N, C-alpha and C. Protein backbone atom coordinates (compact mmCIF):
# COMPACT_ATOMS: atom_id res chain seq x y z
N UNK A 1 -2.35 4.84 -0.91
CA UNK A 1 -1.43 4.72 -2.16
C UNK A 1 -0.42 5.69 -2.40
N UNK A 2 0.62 5.14 -2.82
CA UNK A 2 1.85 5.96 -3.06
C UNK A 2 1.99 6.20 -4.54
N UNK A 3 2.54 7.54 -5.02
CA UNK A 3 2.78 7.56 -6.35
C UNK A 3 4.09 8.29 -6.46
N UNK A 4 4.86 7.52 -7.26
CA UNK A 4 6.41 7.84 -7.53
C UNK A 4 6.17 8.79 -8.88
N UNK A 5 7.10 9.86 -9.18
CA UNK A 5 6.91 10.54 -10.19
C UNK A 5 8.37 11.14 -10.51
N UNK A 6 9.31 11.06 -11.74
CA UNK A 6 10.39 11.36 -12.12
C UNK A 6 10.29 12.44 -13.19
N UNK A 7 11.01 13.35 -13.10
CA UNK A 7 11.43 14.22 -14.06
C UNK A 7 12.86 15.27 -14.14
N UNK A 8 12.93 15.18 -15.46
CA UNK A 8 14.36 16.09 -15.75
C UNK A 8 14.05 17.23 -16.00
N UNK A 9 14.91 17.85 -14.97
CA UNK A 9 14.25 19.55 -14.96
C UNK A 9 15.62 20.20 -15.30
N UNK A 10 15.51 21.52 -15.42
CA UNK A 10 16.89 22.31 -15.62
C UNK A 10 17.68 22.21 -14.62
N UNK A 11 17.41 21.99 -13.30
CA UNK A 11 17.90 21.84 -12.39
C UNK A 11 18.83 20.11 -12.00
N UNK A 12 18.29 19.16 -13.04
CA UNK A 12 18.72 17.88 -12.80
C UNK A 12 17.66 16.94 -12.68
N UNK A 13 17.88 15.69 -12.42
CA UNK A 13 16.72 14.85 -12.02
C UNK A 13 15.98 15.00 -10.64
N UNK A 14 14.89 14.72 -11.00
CA UNK A 14 13.81 14.84 -9.70
C UNK A 14 13.06 13.79 -9.47
N UNK A 15 13.09 13.14 -8.57
CA UNK A 15 12.05 11.74 -8.18
C UNK A 15 11.35 12.06 -7.02
N UNK A 16 10.28 12.01 -6.79
CA UNK A 16 9.68 11.80 -5.57
C UNK A 16 8.46 10.87 -5.07
N UNK A 17 8.28 10.68 -4.07
CA UNK A 17 7.15 9.73 -3.82
C UNK A 17 6.27 10.54 -3.14
N UNK A 18 4.83 10.53 -3.28
CA UNK A 18 3.89 11.50 -2.95
C UNK A 18 4.37 13.11 -2.40
N UNK A 19 5.00 13.27 -3.24
CA UNK A 19 5.97 14.70 -3.21
C UNK A 19 7.10 15.19 -2.50
N UNK A 20 7.46 13.94 -1.82
CA UNK A 20 8.58 13.91 -1.28
C UNK A 20 9.55 13.40 -1.57
N UNK A 21 11.33 13.94 -1.56
CA UNK A 21 12.12 13.29 -2.31
C UNK A 21 12.24 11.74 -2.07
N UNK A 22 12.66 10.97 -3.12
CA UNK A 22 12.53 9.50 -3.03
C UNK A 22 14.04 9.16 -2.05
N UNK A 23 14.02 8.33 -1.26
CA UNK A 23 15.59 8.45 -0.79
C UNK A 23 15.94 7.18 -1.81
N UNK A 24 17.58 7.43 -1.77
CA UNK A 24 18.07 5.95 -2.91
C UNK A 24 18.24 4.97 -2.28
N UNK A 25 18.35 5.00 -0.66
CA UNK A 25 18.49 3.77 -0.18
C UNK A 25 20.06 3.06 -0.23
N UNK A 26 20.93 3.88 -0.95
CA UNK A 26 22.57 3.68 -0.88
C UNK A 26 22.89 2.80 0.14
N UNK A 27 22.03 3.11 1.71
CA UNK A 27 22.51 2.71 2.82
C UNK A 27 22.19 1.00 2.93
N UNK A 28 21.33 0.74 1.95
CA UNK A 28 20.96 -0.96 1.94
C UNK A 28 21.88 -1.21 0.67
N UNK A 29 21.97 -0.77 -0.24
CA UNK A 29 22.60 -1.36 -1.11
C UNK A 29 22.95 -0.43 -2.39
N UNK A 30 24.72 -0.25 -2.39
CA UNK A 30 25.03 0.91 -3.47
C UNK A 30 25.29 0.45 -4.66
N UNK A 31 24.44 0.60 -5.57
CA UNK A 31 24.59 0.52 -6.86
C UNK A 31 25.48 1.54 -7.76
N UNK A 32 25.02 2.74 -7.36
CA UNK A 32 25.50 4.18 -7.89
C UNK A 32 25.18 4.99 -6.86
N UNK A 33 25.52 4.84 -5.47
CA UNK A 33 25.40 6.13 -4.72
C UNK A 33 24.06 6.83 -4.73
N UNK A 34 23.97 8.01 -4.61
CA UNK A 34 22.77 8.46 -4.48
C UNK A 34 22.12 9.21 -5.97
N UNK A 35 22.65 8.52 -6.95
CA UNK A 35 22.05 8.80 -8.19
C UNK A 35 21.19 7.94 -8.69
N UNK A 36 20.26 8.58 -9.33
CA UNK A 36 19.02 8.02 -9.83
C UNK A 36 19.25 8.54 -11.78
N UNK A 37 18.66 7.66 -12.44
CA UNK A 37 18.73 7.99 -13.88
C UNK A 37 17.88 6.86 -14.47
N UNK A 38 17.38 6.97 -15.69
CA UNK A 38 16.53 5.97 -16.27
C UNK A 38 16.58 6.13 -17.69
N UNK A 39 15.76 5.47 -18.52
CA UNK A 39 15.67 5.31 -19.65
C UNK A 39 16.98 4.51 -20.27
N UNK A 40 17.60 3.73 -19.73
CA UNK A 40 18.48 3.11 -20.03
C UNK A 40 18.98 2.02 -19.13
N UNK A 41 20.00 1.03 -19.40
CA UNK A 41 20.17 0.00 -18.01
C UNK A 41 21.43 0.46 -17.63
N UNK A 42 21.57 0.56 -16.57
CA UNK A 42 22.98 0.91 -16.01
C UNK A 42 22.65 1.04 -14.44
N UNK A 43 23.96 1.46 -13.76
CA UNK A 43 24.07 1.51 -12.14
C UNK A 43 22.97 2.51 -11.43
N UNK A 44 23.04 3.53 -12.22
CA UNK A 44 21.82 4.80 -12.05
C UNK A 44 20.57 4.42 -11.96
N UNK A 45 20.03 3.83 -13.08
CA UNK A 45 18.64 3.41 -13.34
C UNK A 45 18.64 2.21 -12.26
N UNK A 46 19.51 1.19 -11.91
CA UNK A 46 19.07 -0.07 -11.00
C UNK A 46 19.15 0.65 -9.54
N UNK A 47 20.00 1.81 -9.33
CA UNK A 47 19.47 2.29 -7.94
C UNK A 47 18.52 2.80 -7.79
N UNK A 48 17.84 3.44 -8.86
CA UNK A 48 16.13 3.95 -8.91
C UNK A 48 15.47 2.78 -8.91
N UNK A 49 15.44 1.66 -9.50
CA UNK A 49 14.50 0.19 -9.18
C UNK A 49 14.55 0.01 -7.75
N UNK A 50 15.82 0.00 -7.26
CA UNK A 50 16.26 -0.30 -5.88
C UNK A 50 15.39 0.44 -4.94
N UNK A 51 15.56 1.78 -5.10
CA UNK A 51 14.93 2.82 -4.42
C UNK A 51 13.12 2.54 -4.44
N UNK A 52 12.75 2.19 -5.37
CA UNK A 52 11.48 2.64 -5.66
C UNK A 52 10.86 1.08 -5.01
N UNK A 53 11.58 -0.05 -5.26
CA UNK A 53 10.93 -0.92 -4.68
C UNK A 53 11.00 -1.33 -3.28
N UNK A 54 12.32 -0.75 -2.72
CA UNK A 54 12.53 -0.79 -1.25
C UNK A 54 11.46 0.26 -0.27
N UNK A 55 10.89 1.52 -1.17
CA UNK A 55 9.97 2.03 -0.64
C UNK A 55 8.83 1.19 -0.48
N UNK A 56 8.54 0.62 -1.83
CA UNK A 56 7.06 0.14 -2.29
C UNK A 56 6.65 -0.99 -0.94
N UNK A 57 8.03 -1.69 -1.08
CA UNK A 57 7.77 -3.22 0.08
C UNK A 57 8.11 -2.96 1.13
N UNK A 58 9.23 -1.79 1.77
CA UNK A 58 9.51 -1.93 3.09
C UNK A 58 10.53 -3.10 3.30
N UNK A 59 11.01 -3.63 2.27
CA UNK A 59 11.90 -4.85 2.41
C UNK A 59 12.82 -4.99 1.46
N UNK A 60 14.32 -4.38 1.97
CA UNK A 60 15.23 -4.62 1.04
C UNK A 60 15.78 -5.82 0.45
N UNK A 61 15.58 -6.90 1.21
CA UNK A 61 16.10 -8.41 0.41
C UNK A 61 15.10 -8.39 -0.56
N UNK A 62 13.64 -8.48 -0.67
CA UNK A 62 12.90 -8.63 -1.59
C UNK A 62 13.05 -7.55 -2.65
N UNK A 63 13.24 -6.28 -2.37
CA UNK A 63 13.97 -5.23 -3.61
C UNK A 63 14.66 -5.73 -4.10
N UNK A 64 15.85 -5.94 -3.68
CA UNK A 64 17.36 -6.24 -4.32
C UNK A 64 16.88 -7.66 -5.23
N UNK A 65 16.09 -8.50 -4.81
CA UNK A 65 15.69 -9.80 -5.70
C UNK A 65 15.20 -9.38 -7.04
N UNK A 66 14.19 -8.18 -6.99
CA UNK A 66 13.52 -7.84 -7.96
C UNK A 66 14.02 -6.82 -8.86
N UNK A 67 15.27 -6.02 -8.29
CA UNK A 67 15.83 -4.85 -8.91
C UNK A 67 16.54 -5.15 -10.21
N UNK A 68 16.97 -6.06 -10.39
CA UNK A 68 17.49 -6.11 -12.07
C UNK A 68 16.45 -6.45 -12.78
N UNK A 69 15.45 -6.98 -12.77
CA UNK A 69 14.13 -7.32 -14.09
C UNK A 69 13.79 -6.13 -13.89
N UNK A 70 13.26 -5.53 -12.55
CA UNK A 70 12.09 -4.35 -12.54
C UNK A 70 12.86 -3.16 -13.41
N UNK A 71 14.59 -2.91 -13.03
CA UNK A 71 15.28 -2.19 -13.68
C UNK A 71 15.56 -2.25 -15.24
N UNK A 72 15.17 -3.33 -15.88
CA UNK A 72 15.42 -3.56 -17.15
C UNK A 72 13.86 -3.18 -17.88
N UNK A 73 13.05 -3.98 -16.96
CA UNK A 73 11.41 -4.05 -17.67
C UNK A 73 10.77 -2.81 -17.53
N UNK A 74 10.93 -1.98 -16.53
CA UNK A 74 10.27 -0.76 -16.13
C UNK A 74 11.24 0.27 -16.02
N UNK A 75 12.21 0.42 -15.33
CA UNK A 75 12.70 2.19 -15.35
C UNK A 75 13.85 2.08 -16.73
N UNK A 76 14.07 1.41 -17.37
CA UNK A 76 15.14 1.42 -18.56
C UNK A 76 14.18 2.09 -19.90
N UNK A 77 12.84 2.12 -19.45
CA UNK A 77 11.66 2.51 -20.35
C UNK A 77 10.79 3.34 -19.95
N UNK A 78 11.32 4.32 -18.86
CA UNK A 78 10.85 5.55 -18.38
C UNK A 78 11.00 6.70 -19.52
N UNK A 79 10.07 7.40 -19.44
CA UNK A 79 10.24 8.31 -20.82
C UNK A 79 10.88 9.48 -20.08
N UNK A 80 11.13 10.88 -20.27
CA UNK A 80 12.13 11.98 -19.68
C UNK A 80 11.24 12.38 -18.11
N UNK A 81 9.62 12.21 -18.54
CA UNK A 81 8.65 12.21 -17.29
C UNK A 81 8.10 11.42 -17.30
N UNK A 82 7.73 10.68 -16.16
CA UNK A 82 7.14 9.17 -15.64
C UNK A 82 6.27 9.50 -14.33
N UNK A 83 5.30 8.77 -14.12
CA UNK A 83 4.50 8.53 -12.91
C UNK A 83 4.11 7.03 -12.89
N UNK A 84 4.26 6.58 -11.41
CA UNK A 84 4.04 5.25 -11.50
C UNK A 84 3.44 5.25 -10.05
N UNK A 85 2.32 4.43 -10.17
CA UNK A 85 1.63 4.28 -8.65
C UNK A 85 2.06 2.80 -7.96
N UNK A 86 1.81 2.75 -6.69
CA UNK A 86 1.75 1.14 -5.88
C UNK A 86 1.02 0.45 -6.83
N UNK A 87 0.08 0.50 -7.18
CA UNK A 87 -1.00 -0.49 -7.85
C UNK A 87 -0.24 -0.67 -9.24
N UNK A 88 0.46 -0.02 -10.00
CA UNK A 88 1.43 -0.21 -11.29
C UNK A 88 2.30 -1.37 -11.05
N UNK A 89 3.10 -0.73 -9.81
CA UNK A 89 4.02 -1.66 -9.34
C UNK A 89 3.69 -2.90 -9.10
N UNK A 90 2.72 -3.17 -8.17
CA UNK A 90 1.85 -4.43 -7.65
C UNK A 90 1.84 -5.16 -9.05
N UNK A 91 0.91 -4.77 -10.21
CA UNK A 91 0.70 -5.23 -11.67
C UNK A 91 2.15 -5.72 -12.32
N UNK A 92 3.21 -5.05 -12.12
CA UNK A 92 4.38 -5.62 -12.69
C UNK A 92 5.18 -6.56 -11.51
N UNK A 93 4.87 -6.56 -10.53
CA UNK A 93 5.54 -7.68 -9.53
C UNK A 93 4.64 -8.73 -9.86
N UNK A 94 3.50 -8.80 -10.23
CA UNK A 94 2.69 -10.01 -10.27
C UNK A 94 2.80 -10.78 -11.46
N UNK A 95 3.34 -10.04 -12.42
CA UNK A 95 3.96 -10.96 -13.51
C UNK A 95 5.12 -11.70 -13.23
N UNK A 96 6.12 -11.41 -12.20
CA UNK A 96 7.00 -11.52 -11.94
C UNK A 96 6.55 -12.97 -11.23
N UNK A 97 5.87 -12.85 -10.21
CA UNK A 97 5.60 -13.95 -9.30
C UNK A 97 4.63 -14.99 -10.21
N UNK A 98 4.18 -14.77 -11.00
CA UNK A 98 2.84 -15.58 -11.95
C UNK A 98 4.10 -16.50 -12.88
N UNK A 99 5.15 -15.72 -13.03
CA UNK A 99 6.23 -16.60 -14.39
C UNK A 99 7.04 -17.54 -13.76
N UNK A 100 7.22 -17.06 -12.05
CA UNK A 100 8.12 -18.22 -11.18
C UNK A 100 6.93 -19.06 -10.95
N UNK A 101 5.54 -19.35 -10.91
CA UNK A 101 5.26 -20.33 -10.43
C UNK A 101 4.88 -21.37 -11.35
C-alpha cells in the first residue's frame, strides 16, 4: 500500500509517496506544470489530483478521466497537512464507479 502525504513547509509545498517526491506527471498532462497546490479548485490542485491518480492507477488515461472530480471532491478539501492511502483513494473512486452504474 502506498501513502501520499502533503505538507506546507517553510520551504514550500512538499508532496511525497512512500517518502519519495511525487512526480507531477506533467509529461502526460500539463495542467500547471510541476506545480502542486490544494485546498481550492484550480490548475495546481488539478495537477496534484492527476499526479496522485496516475501514480495510483499507473494509467494516465484513467487518471485524466477522474481528475476533475477527484480534485473537486478530495484535493480541494485537503488541509495544510494531509495524508491519503491507496485504500482511501480506492474508497473515493469506488463511489464514482457506483454512481456511474
